[in-house]
Amino acid sequence: LVERRLYIVGVDPYVGLQSDDAAGQLISQIGSVRDA
């Protein structure tokens, strides 16, 4: 379907991944409980 140019917007996974910082741990917990 692409004649000339393709643009992709995405986000790196953050659910269920270990993080060394408090912000990352909270974001992972939010994503995990949402998905559960």
PDB file of all heavy atoms in Angstrom:
ATOM      1  N   LEU A   1       0.810  -1.215   0.000  1.00  0.00           N
ATOM      2  CA  LEU A   1       0.000   0.000   0.000  1.00  0.00           C
ATOM      3  C   LEU A   1       0.843   1.266   0.000  1.00  0.00           C
ATOM      4  O   LEU A   1       0.335   2.354  -0.236  1.00  0.00           O
ATOM      5  CB  LEU A   1      -0.927   0.022   1.226  1.00  0.00           C
ATOM      6  CG  LEU A   1      -2.226  -0.796   1.145  1.00  0.00           C
ATOM      7  CD1 LEU A   1      -1.953  -2.284   1.102  1.00  0.00           C
ATOM      8  CD2 LEU A   1      -3.128  -0.468   2.333  1.00  0.00           C
ATOM      9  N   VAL A   2       2.163   1.127   0.296  1.00  0.00           N
ATOM     10  CA  VAL A   2       3.033   2.289   0.472  1.00  0.00           C
ATOM     11  C   VAL A   2       3.693   2.649  -0.846  1.00  0.00           C
ATOM     12  O   VAL A   2       4.529   1.896  -1.366  1.00  0.00           O
ATOM     13  CB  VAL A   2       4.105   2.025   1.547  1.00  0.00           C
ATOM     14  CG1 VAL A   2       4.948   3.279   1.765  1.00  0.00           C
ATOM     15  CG2 VAL A   2       3.466   1.579   2.858  1.00  0.00           C
ATOM     16  N   GLU A   3       3.342   3.799  -1.377  1.00  0.00           N
ATOM     17  CA  GLU A   3       3.936   4.281  -2.621  1.00  0.00           C
ATOM     18  C   GLU A   3       5.266   4.979  -2.378  1.00  0.00           C
ATOM     19  O   GLU A   3       6.238   4.762  -3.115  1.00  0.00           O
ATOM     20  CB  GLU A   3       2.968   5.243  -3.306  1.00  0.00           C
ATOM     21  CG  GLU A   3       3.449   5.762  -4.664  1.00  0.00           C
ATOM     22  CD  GLU A   3       3.410   4.689  -5.732  1.00  0.00           C
ATOM     23  OE1 GLU A   3       2.527   3.815  -5.690  1.00  0.00           O
ATOM     24  OE2 GLU A   3       4.291   4.718  -6.622  1.00  0.00           O
ATOM     25  N   ARG A   4       5.318   5.836  -1.347  1.00  0.00           N
ATOM     26  CA  ARG A   4       6.527   6.640  -1.144  1.00  0.00           C
ATOM     27  C   ARG A   4       7.116   6.496   0.251  1.00  0.00           C
ATOM     28  O   ARG A   4       8.250   6.100   0.414  1.00  0.00           O
ATOM     29  CB  ARG A   4       6.222   8.118  -1.424  1.00  0.00           C
ATOM     30  CG  ARG A   4       5.819   8.407  -2.858  1.00  0.00           C
ATOM     31  CD  ARG A   4       5.529   9.887  -3.045  1.00  0.00           C
ATOM     32  NE  ARG A   4       5.057  10.181  -4.400  1.00  0.00           N
ATOM     33  CZ  ARG A   4       4.606  11.365  -4.784  1.00  0.00           C
ATOM     34  NH1 ARG A   4       4.561  12.374  -3.916  1.00  0.00           N
ATOM     35  NH2 ARG A   4       4.184  11.557  -6.029  1.00  0.00           N
ATOM     36  N   ARG A   5       6.361   6.876   1.283  1.00  0.00           N
ATOM     37  CA  ARG A   5       6.957   6.980   2.610  1.00  0.00           C
ATOM     38  C   ARG A   5       6.052   6.371   3.679  1.00  0.00           C
ATOM     39  O   ARG A   5       4.837   6.520   3.639  1.00  0.00           O
ATOM     40  CB  ARG A   5       7.195   8.459   2.946  1.00  0.00           C
ATOM     41  CG  ARG A   5       7.909   8.731   4.265  1.00  0.00           C
ATOM     42  CD  ARG A   5       9.365   8.279   4.233  1.00  0.00           C
ATOM     43  NE  ARG A   5      10.130   8.989   3.256  1.00  0.00           N
ATOM     44  CZ  ARG A   5      10.792  10.144   3.494  1.00  0.00           C
ATOM     45  NH1 ARG A   5      10.752  10.667   4.690  1.00  0.00           N
ATOM     46  NH2 ARG A   5      11.487  10.734   2.546  1.00  0.00           N
ATOM     47  N   LEU A   6       6.688   5.664   4.628  1.00  0.00           N
ATOM     48  CA  LEU A   6       5.990   5.089   5.771  1.00  0.00           C
ATOM     49  C   LEU A   6       6.560   5.694   7.044  1.00  0.00           C
ATOM     50  O   LEU A   6       7.781   5.801   7.206  1.00  0.00           O
ATOM     51  CB  LEU A   6       6.192   3.570   5.801  1.00  0.00           C
ATOM     52  CG  LEU A   6       5.694   2.832   7.041  1.00  0.00           C
ATOM     53  CD1 LEU A   6       4.170   2.832   7.083  1.00  0.00           C
ATOM     54  CD2 LEU A   6       6.234   1.406   7.080  1.00  0.00           C
ATOM     55  N   TYR A   7       5.661   6.093   7.942  1.00  0.00           N
ATOM     56  CA  TYR A   7       6.063   6.578   9.259  1.00  0.00           C
ATOM     57  C   TYR A   7       5.426   5.691  10.325  1.00  0.00           C
ATOM     58  O   TYR A   7       4.226   5.419  10.268  1.00  0.00           O
ATOM     59  CB  TYR A   7       5.621   8.032   9.482  1.00  0.00           C
ATOM     60  CG  TYR A   7       6.279   9.024   8.557  1.00  0.00           C
ATOM     61  CD1 TYR A   7       5.558   9.631   7.533  1.00  0.00           C
ATOM     62  CD2 TYR A   7       7.626   9.360   8.705  1.00  0.00           C
ATOM     63  CE1 TYR A   7       6.155  10.547   6.682  1.00  0.00           C
ATOM     64  CE2 TYR A   7       8.235  10.268   7.851  1.00  0.00           C
ATOM     65  CZ  TYR A   7       7.487  10.856   6.843  1.00  0.00           C
ATOM     66  OH  TYR A   7       8.084  11.756   5.995  1.00  0.00           O
ATOM     67  N   ILE A   8       6.237   5.264  11.292  1.00  0.00           N
ATOM     68  CA  ILE A   8       5.738   4.455  12.399  1.00  0.00           C
ATOM     69  C   ILE A   8       5.990   5.190  13.710  1.00  0.00           C
ATOM     70  O   ILE A   8       7.105   5.668  13.959  1.00  0.00           O
ATOM     71  CB  ILE A   8       6.419   3.075  12.439  1.00  0.00           C
ATOM     72  CG1 ILE A   8       6.010   2.247  11.224  1.00  0.00           C
ATOM     73  CG2 ILE A   8       6.065   2.334  13.721  1.00  0.00           C
ATOM     74  CD1 ILE A   8       6.579   0.845  11.211  1.00  0.00           C
ATOM     75  N   VAL A   9       4.951   5.293  14.523  1.00  0.00           N
ATOM     76  CA  VAL A   9       5.072   5.810  15.881  1.00  0.00           C
ATOM     77  C   VAL A   9       4.790   4.656  16.833  1.00  0.00           C
ATOM     78  O   VAL A   9       3.800   3.936  16.676  1.00  0.00           O
ATOM     79  CB  VAL A   9       4.078   6.959  16.138  1.00  0.00           C
ATOM     80  CG1 VAL A   9       4.200   7.445  17.589  1.00  0.00           C
ATOM     81  CG2 VAL A   9       4.313   8.114  15.168  1.00  0.00           C
ATOM     82  N   GLY A  10       5.670   4.448  17.790  1.00  0.00           N
ATOM     83  CA  GLY A  10       5.485   3.371  18.752  1.00  0.00           C
ATOM     84  C   GLY A  10       6.029   3.761  20.111  1.00  0.00           C
ATOM     85  O   GLY A  10       6.563   4.864  20.300  1.00  0.00           O
ATOM     86  N   VAL A  11       5.907   2.862  21.058  1.00  0.00           N
ATOM     87  CA  VAL A  11       6.439   3.077  22.406  1.00  0.00           C
ATOM     88  C   VAL A  11       7.177   1.817  22.833  1.00  0.00           C
ATOM     89  O   VAL A  11       6.714   0.698  22.598  1.00  0.00           O
ATOM     90  CB  VAL A  11       5.312   3.435  23.406  1.00  0.00           C
ATOM     91  CG1 VAL A  11       4.251   2.346  23.483  1.00  0.00           C
ATOM     92  CG2 VAL A  11       5.881   3.748  24.778  1.00  0.00           C
ATOM     93  N   ASP A  12       8.347   1.995  23.415  1.00  0.00           N
ATOM     94  CA  ASP A  12       9.091   0.850  23.919  1.00  0.00           C
ATOM     95  C   ASP A  12       8.303   0.162  25.037  1.00  0.00           C
ATOM     96  O   ASP A  12       7.669   0.841  25.859  1.00  0.00           O
ATOM     97  CB  ASP A  12      10.455   1.297  24.458  1.00  0.00           C
ATOM     98  CG  ASP A  12      11.451   1.593  23.354  1.00  0.00           C
ATOM     99  OD1 ASP A  12      11.412   0.911  22.319  1.00  0.00           O
ATOM    100  OD2 ASP A  12      12.283   2.511  23.526  1.00  0.00           O
ATOM    101  N   PRO A  13       8.312  -1.161  25.095  1.00  0.00           N
ATOM    102  CA  PRO A  13       7.552  -1.874  26.134  1.00  0.00           C
ATOM    103  C   PRO A  13       7.989  -1.455  27.540  1.00  0.00           C
ATOM    104  O   PRO A  13       9.173  -1.195  27.783  1.00  0.00           O
ATOM    105  CB  PRO A  13       7.892  -3.337  25.873  1.00  0.00           C
ATOM    106  CG  PRO A  13       8.334  -3.385  24.452  1.00  0.00           C
ATOM    107  CD  PRO A  13       9.015  -2.077  24.192  1.00  0.00           C
ATOM    108  N   TYR A  14       7.015  -1.412  28.441  1.00  0.00           N
ATOM    109  CA  TYR A  14       7.337  -1.087  29.833  1.00  0.00           C
ATOM    110  C   TYR A  14       6.617  -1.995  30.824  1.00  0.00           C
ATOM    111  O   TYR A  14       6.808  -1.873  32.031  1.00  0.00           O
ATOM    112  CB  TYR A  14       6.998   0.376  30.138  1.00  0.00           C
ATOM    113  CG  TYR A  14       5.554   0.765  29.852  1.00  0.00           C
ATOM    114  CD1 TYR A  14       4.544   0.506  30.764  1.00  0.00           C
ATOM    115  CD2 TYR A  14       5.221   1.412  28.664  1.00  0.00           C
ATOM    116  CE1 TYR A  14       3.227   0.863  30.504  1.00  0.00           C
ATOM    117  CE2 TYR A  14       3.907   1.773  28.393  1.00  0.00           C
ATOM    118  CZ  TYR A  14       2.922   1.499  29.316  1.00  0.00           C
ATOM    119  OH  TYR A  14       1.621   1.851  29.052  1.00  0.00           O
ATOM    120  N   VAL A  15       5.798  -2.909  30.342  1.00  0.00           N
ATOM    121  CA  VAL A  15       5.041  -3.805  31.222  1.00  0.00           C
ATOM    122  C   VAL A  15       5.859  -5.052  31.526  1.00  0.00           C
ATOM    123  O   VAL A  15       6.396  -5.696  30.615  1.00  0.00           O
ATOM    124  CB  VAL A  15       3.697  -4.203  30.576  1.00  0.00           C
ATOM    125  CG1 VAL A  15       2.967  -5.212  31.458  1.00  0.00           C
ATOM    126  CG2 VAL A  15       2.842  -2.976  30.349  1.00  0.00           C
ATOM    127  N   GLY A  16       5.965  -5.399  32.803  1.00  0.00           N
ATOM    128  CA  GLY A  16       6.630  -6.631  33.202  1.00  0.00           C
ATOM    129  C   GLY A  16       8.141  -6.596  33.093  1.00  0.00           C
ATOM    130  O   GLY A  16       8.789  -7.637  33.185  1.00  0.00           O
ATOM    131  N   LEU A  17       8.717  -5.404  32.908  1.00  0.00           N
ATOM    132  CA  LEU A  17      10.166  -5.286  32.788  1.00  0.00           C
ATOM    133  C   LEU A  17      10.744  -4.733  34.091  1.00  0.00           C
ATOM    134  O   LEU A  17      10.157  -3.862  34.730  1.00  0.00           O
ATOM    135  CB  LEU A  17      10.536  -4.361  31.626  1.00  0.00           C
ATOM    136  CG  LEU A  17      10.055  -4.800  30.240  1.00  0.00           C
ATOM    137  CD1 LEU A  17      10.469  -3.774  29.184  1.00  0.00           C
ATOM    138  CD2 LEU A  17      10.611  -6.173  29.888  1.00  0.00           C
ATOM    139  N   GLN A  18      11.907  -5.234  34.479  1.00  0.00           N
ATOM    140  CA  GLN A  18      12.566  -4.764  35.681  1.00  0.00           C
ATOM    141  C   GLN A  18      13.144  -3.369  35.448  1.00  0.00           C
ATOM    142  O   GLN A  18      13.640  -3.063  34.369  1.00  0.00           O
ATOM    143  CB  GLN A  18      13.694  -5.724  36.081  1.00  0.00           C
ATOM    144  CG  GLN A  18      13.221  -7.126  36.432  1.00  0.00           C
ATOM    145  CD  GLN A  18      12.327  -7.137  37.658  1.00  0.00           C
ATOM    146  OE1 GLN A  18      12.563  -6.402  38.611  1.00  0.00           O
ATOM    147  NE2 GLN A  18      11.292  -7.965  37.627  1.00  0.00           N
ATOM    148  N   SER A  19      13.069  -2.538  36.476  1.00  0.00           N
ATOM    149  CA  SER A  19      13.611  -1.190  36.380  1.00  0.00           C
ATOM    150  C   SER A  19      14.355  -0.869  37.669  1.00  0.00           C
ATOM    151  O   SER A  19      13.928  -1.253  38.766  1.00  0.00           O
ATOM    152  CB  SER A  19      12.490  -0.171  36.146  1.00  0.00           C
ATOM    153  OG  SER A  19      13.005   1.144  36.120  1.00  0.00           O
ATOM    154  N   ASP A  20      15.463  -0.147  37.528  1.00  0.00           N
ATOM    155  CA  ASP A  20      16.270   0.214  38.694  1.00  0.00           C
ATOM    156  C   ASP A  20      15.782   1.492  39.364  1.00  0.00           C
ATOM    157  O   ASP A  20      16.222   1.801  40.470  1.00  0.00           O
ATOM    158  CB  ASP A  20      17.747   0.383  38.292  1.00  0.00           C
ATOM    159  CG  ASP A  20      18.372  -0.914  37.811  1.00  0.00           C
ATOM    160  OD1 ASP A  20      17.938  -1.982  38.292  1.00  0.00           O
ATOM    161  OD2 ASP A  20      19.273  -0.857  36.960  1.00  0.00           O
ATOM    162  N   ASP A  21      14.918   2.247  38.698  1.00  0.00           N
ATOM    163  CA  ASP A  21      14.478   3.522  39.263  1.00  0.00           C
ATOM    164  C   ASP A  21      13.012   3.449  39.671  1.00  0.00           C
ATOM    165  O   ASP A  21      12.226   2.661  39.136  1.00  0.00           O
ATOM    166  CB  ASP A  21      14.693   4.667  38.272  1.00  0.00           C
ATOM    167  CG  ASP A  21      13.861   4.505  37.016  1.00  0.00           C
ATOM    168  OD1 ASP A  21      14.313   3.782  36.092  1.00  0.00           O
ATOM    169  OD2 ASP A  21      12.760   5.074  36.956  1.00  0.00           O
ATOM    170  N   ALA A  22      12.634   4.291  40.616  1.00  0.00           N
ATOM    171  CA  ALA A  22      11.287   4.268  41.188  1.00  0.00           C
ATOM    172  C   ALA A  22      10.228   4.603  40.153  1.00  0.00           C
ATOM    173  O   ALA A  22       9.147   3.995  40.144  1.00  0.00           O
ATOM    174  CB  ALA A  22      11.208   5.241  42.369  1.00  0.00           C
ATOM    175  N   ALA A  23      10.519   5.554  39.273  1.00  0.00           N
ATOM    176  CA  ALA A  23       9.538   5.925  38.250  1.00  0.00           C
ATOM    177  C   ALA A  23       9.250   4.746  37.336  1.00  0.00           C
ATOM    178  O   ALA A  23       8.093   4.452  37.008  1.00  0.00           O
ATOM    179  CB  ALA A  23      10.038   7.119  37.443  1.00  0.00           C
ATOM    180  N   GLY A  24      10.288   4.052  36.912  1.00  0.00           N
ATOM    181  CA  GLY A  24      10.106   2.897  36.041  1.00  0.00           C
ATOM    182  C   GLY A  24       9.327   1.792  36.714  1.00  0.00           C
ATOM    183  O   GLY A  24       8.503   1.113  36.087  1.00  0.00           O
ATOM    184  N   GLN A  25       9.580   1.568  37.997  1.00  0.00           N
ATOM    185  CA  GLN A  25       8.848   0.540  38.732  1.00  0.00           C
ATOM    186  C   GLN A  25       7.368   0.874  38.813  1.00  0.00           C
ATOM    187  O   GLN A  25       6.506  -0.001  38.646  1.00  0.00           O
ATOM    188  CB  GLN A  25       9.447   0.397  40.126  1.00  0.00           C
ATOM    189  CG  GLN A  25      10.856  -0.181  40.141  1.00  0.00           C
ATOM    190  CD  GLN A  25      11.513  -0.089  41.500  1.00  0.00           C
ATOM    191  OE1 GLN A  25      10.851   0.153  42.506  1.00  0.00           O
ATOM    192  NE2 GLN A  25      12.820  -0.270  41.541  1.00  0.00           N
ATOM    193  N   LEU A  26       7.038   2.151  39.046  1.00  0.00           N
ATOM    194  CA  LEU A  26       5.637   2.559  39.126  1.00  0.00           C
ATOM    195  C   LEU A  26       4.943   2.424  37.779  1.00  0.00           C
ATOM    196  O   LEU A  26       3.810   1.929  37.697  1.00  0.00           O
ATOM    197  CB  LEU A  26       5.543   4.003  39.636  1.00  0.00           C
ATOM    198  CG  LEU A  26       5.818   4.197  41.123  1.00  0.00           C
ATOM    199  CD1 LEU A  26       6.033   5.674  41.438  1.00  0.00           C
ATOM    200  CD2 LEU A  26       4.680   3.626  41.963  1.00  0.00           C
ATOM    201  N   ILE A  27       5.615   2.835  36.707  1.00  0.00           N
ATOM    202  CA  ILE A  27       5.023   2.728  35.375  1.00  0.00           C
ATOM    203  C   ILE A  27       4.789   1.269  35.010  1.00  0.00           C
ATOM    204  O   ILE A  27       3.739   0.898  34.465  1.00  0.00           O
ATOM    205  CB  ILE A  27       5.926   3.419  34.324  1.00  0.00           C
ATOM    206  CG1 ILE A  27       5.888   4.940  34.504  1.00  0.00           C
ATOM    207  CG2 ILE A  27       5.499   3.052  32.906  1.00  0.00           C
ATOM    208  CD1 ILE A  27       4.525   5.565  34.278  1.00  0.00           C
ATOM    209  N   SER A  28       5.744   0.408  35.336  1.00  0.00           N
ATOM    210  CA  SER A  28       5.578  -1.017  35.049  1.00  0.00           C
ATOM    211  C   SER A  28       4.418  -1.606  35.854  1.00  0.00           C
ATOM    212  O   SER A  28       3.635  -2.414  35.331  1.00  0.00           O
ATOM    213  CB  SER A  28       6.874  -1.768  35.368  1.00  0.00           C
ATOM    214  OG  SER A  28       6.734  -3.142  35.077  1.00  0.00           O
ATOM    215  N   GLN A  29       4.282  -1.189  37.105  1.00  0.00           N
ATOM    216  CA  GLN A  29       3.179  -1.679  37.931  1.00  0.00           C
ATOM    217  C   GLN A  29       1.827  -1.213  37.389  1.00  0.00           C
ATOM    218  O   GLN A  29       0.858  -1.988  37.369  1.00  0.00           O
ATOM    219  CB  GLN A  29       3.356  -1.195  39.372  1.00  0.00           C
ATOM    220  CG  GLN A  29       4.507  -1.860  40.111  1.00  0.00           C
ATOM    221  CD  GLN A  29       4.762  -1.235  41.466  1.00  0.00           C
ATOM    222  OE1 GLN A  29       3.840  -0.777  42.130  1.00  0.00           O
ATOM    223  NE2 GLN A  29       6.019  -1.180  41.865  1.00  0.00           N
ATOM    224  N   ILE A  30       1.765   0.027  36.942  1.00  0.00           N
ATOM    225  CA  ILE A  30       0.517   0.544  36.365  1.00  0.00           C
ATOM    226  C   ILE A  30       0.143  -0.261  35.124  1.00  0.00           C
ATOM    227  O   ILE A  30      -0.999  -0.689  34.952  1.00  0.00           O
ATOM    228  CB  ILE A  30       0.655   2.036  36.030  1.00  0.00           C
ATOM    229  CG1 ILE A  30       0.713   2.867  37.312  1.00  0.00           C
ATOM    230  CG2 ILE A  30      -0.510   2.508  35.149  1.00  0.00           C
ATOM    231  CD1 ILE A  30       1.058   4.327  37.097  1.00  0.00           C
ATOM    232  N   GLY A  31       1.119  -0.475  34.245  1.00  0.00           N
ATOM    233  CA  GLY A  31       0.848  -1.240  33.029  1.00  0.00           C
ATOM    234  C   GLY A  31       0.464  -2.684  33.331  1.00  0.00           C
ATOM    235  O   GLY A  31      -0.426  -3.253  32.684  1.00  0.00           O
ATOM    236  N   SER A  32       1.110  -3.270  34.331  1.00  0.00           N
ATOM    237  CA  SER A  32       0.831  -4.671  34.660  1.00  0.00           C
ATOM    238  C   SER A  32      -0.565  -4.849  35.221  1.00  0.00           C
ATOM    239  O   SER A  32      -1.282  -5.784  34.838  1.00  0.00           O
ATOM    240  CB  SER A  32       1.873  -5.177  35.660  1.00  0.00           C
ATOM    241  OG  SER A  32       3.168  -5.194  35.073  1.00  0.00           O
ATOM    242  N   VAL A  33      -0.984  -3.973  36.139  1.00  0.00           N
ATOM    243  CA  VAL A  33      -2.318  -4.120  36.713  1.00  0.00           C
ATOM    244  C   VAL A  33      -3.385  -3.785  35.676  1.00  0.00           C
ATOM    245  O   VAL A  33      -4.453  -4.410  35.638  1.00  0.00           O
ATOM    246  CB  VAL A  33      -2.480  -3.258  37.991  1.00  0.00           C
ATOM    247  CG1 VAL A  33      -2.580  -1.780  37.675  1.00  0.00           C
ATOM    248  CG2 VAL A  33      -3.693  -3.709  38.793  1.00  0.00           C
ATOM    249  N   ARG A  34      -3.100  -2.825  34.811  1.00  0.00           N
ATOM    250  CA  ARG A  34      -4.040  -2.527  33.706  1.00  0.00           C
ATOM    251  C   ARG A  34      -4.258  -3.754  32.839  1.00  0.00           C
ATOM    252  O   ARG A  34      -5.400  -4.142  32.558  1.00  0.00           O
ATOM    253  CB  ARG A  34      -3.486  -1.369  32.870  1.00  0.00           C
ATOM    254  CG  ARG A  34      -4.301  -1.023  31.629  1.00  0.00           C
ATOM    255  CD  ARG A  34      -3.431  -0.286  30.622  1.00  0.00           C
ATOM    256  NE  ARG A  34      -2.327  -1.119  30.158  1.00  0.00           N
ATOM    257  CZ  ARG A  34      -1.161  -0.624  29.707  1.00  0.00           C
ATOM    258  NH1 ARG A  34      -0.939   0.675  29.673  1.00  0.00           N
ATOM    259  NH2 ARG A  34      -0.210  -1.450  29.287  1.00  0.00           N
ATOM    260  N   ASP A  35      -3.162  -4.387  32.417  1.00  0.00           N
ATOM    261  CA  ASP A  35      -3.285  -5.548  31.536  1.00  0.00           C
ATOM    262  C   ASP A  35      -3.941  -6.726  32.249  1.00  0.00           C
ATOM    263  O   ASP A  35      -4.718  -7.480  31.649  1.00  0.00           O
ATOM    264  CB  ASP A  35      -1.905  -5.952  31.012  1.00  0.00           C
ATOM    265  CG  ASP A  35      -1.353  -4.950  30.009  1.00  0.00           C
ATOM    266  OD1 ASP A  35      -2.055  -3.960  29.713  1.00  0.00           O
ATOM    267  OD2 ASP A  35      -0.223  -5.157  29.526  1.00  0.00           O
ATOM    268  N   ALA A  36      -3.653  -6.904  33.546  1.00  0.00           N
ATOM    269  CA  ALA A  36      -4.273  -7.985  34.305  1.00  0.00           C
ATOM    270  C   ALA A  36      -5.783  -7.796  34.376  1.00  0.00           C
ATOM    271  O   ALA A  36      -6.554  -8.757  34.199  1.00  0.00           O
ATOM    272  CB  ALA A  36      -3.677  -8.039  35.710  1.00  0.00           C
TER     273      ALA A  36
END
